[in-house]
Amino acid sequence: MSCYITHLIRILDEMGVEVTRYNRRDIDLTIKRIVGTEGEGCPVTWKAVREAMARDKEGFLESLRNAAREQGW
């Protein structure tokens, strides 16, 4: 599991998303798309996630909710 996903477990749980070995890669890639860190490692992505949440937490969470619905997590 990507290091930053462990920090997001509570948020994902509240959205009704269960992180499993089957969907964690999709979740990782989706979050990287949302914050613009495709191809980057965990530390870069976690920093971008924190910055996105500090800038517009509701916007970030809404993007994540929409992705979860679209992908059926």
C-alpha atoms as a PDB file:
ATOM      1  CA  MET A   1       0.000   0.000   0.000  1.00  0.00           C
ATOM      2  CA  SER A   2       1.315   3.451  -0.828  1.00  0.00           C
ATOM      3  CA  CYS A   3       2.524   5.180   2.283  1.00  0.00           C
ATOM      4  CA  TYR A   4       0.069   8.067   2.019  1.00  0.00           C
ATOM      5  CA  ILE A   5      -3.011   5.857   1.626  1.00  0.00           C
ATOM      6  CA  THR A   6      -2.611   4.724   5.219  1.00  0.00           C
ATOM      7  CA  HIS A   7      -3.094   8.387   6.200  1.00  0.00           C
ATOM      8  CA  LEU A   8      -6.302   8.532   4.152  1.00  0.00           C
ATOM      9  CA  ILE A   9      -7.891   5.302   5.452  1.00  0.00           C
ATOM     10  CA  ARG A  10     -10.254   7.155   7.814  1.00  0.00           C
ATOM     11  CA  ILE A  11     -11.427   9.490   5.046  1.00  0.00           C
ATOM     12  CA  LEU A  12     -11.859   6.600   2.619  1.00  0.00           C
ATOM     13  CA  ASP A  13     -13.777   4.618   5.274  1.00  0.00           C
ATOM     14  CA  GLU A  14     -16.120   7.582   5.806  1.00  0.00           C
ATOM     15  CA  MET A  15     -16.762   7.570   2.050  1.00  0.00           C
ATOM     16  CA  GLY A  16     -17.602   3.893   2.251  1.00  0.00           C
ATOM     17  CA  VAL A  17     -14.450   2.868   0.383  1.00  0.00           C
ATOM     18  CA  GLU A  18     -12.728  -0.242   1.655  1.00  0.00           C
ATOM     19  CA  VAL A  19      -9.093  -0.351   0.575  1.00  0.00           C
ATOM     20  CA  THR A  20      -8.215  -3.889  -0.495  1.00  0.00           C
ATOM     21  CA  ARG A  21      -5.344  -5.494  -2.296  1.00  0.00           C
ATOM     22  CA  TYR A  22      -7.601  -5.513  -5.362  1.00  0.00           C
ATOM     23  CA  ASN A  23      -8.372  -1.794  -5.498  1.00  0.00           C
ATOM     24  CA  ARG A  24      -5.455  -0.056  -3.792  1.00  0.00           C
ATOM     25  CA  ARG A  25      -3.520   0.401  -7.054  1.00  0.00           C
ATOM     26  CA  ASP A  26      -6.561   2.006  -8.684  1.00  0.00           C
ATOM     27  CA  ILE A  27      -7.002   4.263  -5.659  1.00  0.00           C
ATOM     28  CA  ASP A  28      -3.320   5.203  -5.768  1.00  0.00           C
ATOM     29  CA  LEU A  29      -3.415   6.018  -9.499  1.00  0.00           C
ATOM     30  CA  THR A  30      -6.641   7.997  -9.121  1.00  0.00           C
ATOM     31  CA  ILE A  31      -5.274  10.097  -6.267  1.00  0.00           C
ATOM     32  CA  LYS A  32      -2.117  10.734  -8.289  1.00  0.00           C
ATOM     33  CA  ARG A  33      -4.283  11.929 -11.200  1.00  0.00           C
ATOM     34  CA  ILE A  34      -6.281  14.214  -8.909  1.00  0.00           C
ATOM     35  CA  VAL A  35      -3.187  15.895  -7.438  1.00  0.00           C
ATOM     36  CA  GLY A  36      -1.102  15.783 -10.632  1.00  0.00           C
ATOM     37  CA  THR A  37       1.689  13.459  -9.520  1.00  0.00           C
ATOM     38  CA  GLU A  38       1.319  10.628 -12.013  1.00  0.00           C
ATOM     39  CA  GLY A  39       4.568   8.676 -12.187  1.00  0.00           C
ATOM     40  CA  GLU A  40       5.862  10.121  -8.917  1.00  0.00           C
ATOM     41  CA  GLY A  41       6.633   8.238  -5.727  1.00  0.00           C
ATOM     42  CA  CYS A  42       4.897   8.232  -2.403  1.00  0.00           C
ATOM     43  CA  PRO A  43       6.604  11.206  -0.703  1.00  0.00           C
ATOM     44  CA  VAL A  44       5.874  13.543  -3.621  1.00  0.00           C
ATOM     45  CA  THR A  45       2.266  12.400  -3.847  1.00  0.00           C
ATOM     46  CA  TRP A  46       1.663  12.641  -0.089  1.00  0.00           C
ATOM     47  CA  LYS A  47       3.026  16.192  -0.110  1.00  0.00           C
ATOM     48  CA  ALA A  48       0.720  17.092  -3.007  1.00  0.00           C
ATOM     49  CA  VAL A  49      -2.268  15.494  -1.227  1.00  0.00           C
ATOM     50  CA  ARG A  50      -1.567  17.525   1.922  1.00  0.00           C
ATOM     51  CA  GLU A  51      -1.228  20.704  -0.144  1.00  0.00           C
ATOM     52  CA  ALA A  52      -4.446  19.979  -2.059  1.00  0.00           C
ATOM     53  CA  MET A  53      -6.325  19.357   1.181  1.00  0.00           C
ATOM     54  CA  ALA A  54      -4.923  22.531   2.755  1.00  0.00           C
ATOM     55  CA  ARG A  55      -5.905  24.552  -0.320  1.00  0.00           C
ATOM     56  CA  ASP A  56      -9.365  23.085  -0.922  1.00  0.00           C
ATOM     57  CA  LYS A  57     -10.197  20.058   1.211  1.00  0.00           C
ATOM     58  CA  GLU A  58     -13.819  19.834   0.066  1.00  0.00           C
ATOM     59  CA  GLY A  59     -12.785  20.055  -3.591  1.00  0.00           C
ATOM     60  CA  PHE A  60     -10.229  17.285  -3.147  1.00  0.00           C
ATOM     61  CA  LEU A  61     -12.708  15.083  -1.279  1.00  0.00           C
ATOM     62  CA  GLU A  62     -15.412  15.695  -3.894  1.00  0.00           C
ATOM     63  CA  SER A  63     -12.998  14.629  -6.656  1.00  0.00           C
ATOM     64  CA  LEU A  64     -12.192  11.512  -4.660  1.00  0.00           C
ATOM     65  CA  ARG A  65     -15.900  10.764  -4.037  1.00  0.00           C
ATOM     66  CA  ASN A  66     -16.674  11.136  -7.744  1.00  0.00           C
ATOM     67  CA  ALA A  67     -13.815   8.829  -8.674  1.00  0.00           C
ATOM     68  CA  ALA A  68     -14.968   6.252  -6.116  1.00  0.00           C
ATOM     69  CA  ARG A  69     -18.472   6.304  -7.595  1.00  0.00           C
ATOM     70  CA  GLU A  70     -17.241   6.106 -11.189  1.00  0.00           C
ATOM     71  CA  GLN A  71     -14.848   3.251 -10.489  1.00  0.00           C
ATOM     72  CA  GLY A  72     -17.097   1.369  -8.108  1.00  0.00           C
ATOM     73  CA  TRP A  73     -14.763   1.143  -5.145  1.00  0.00           C
END
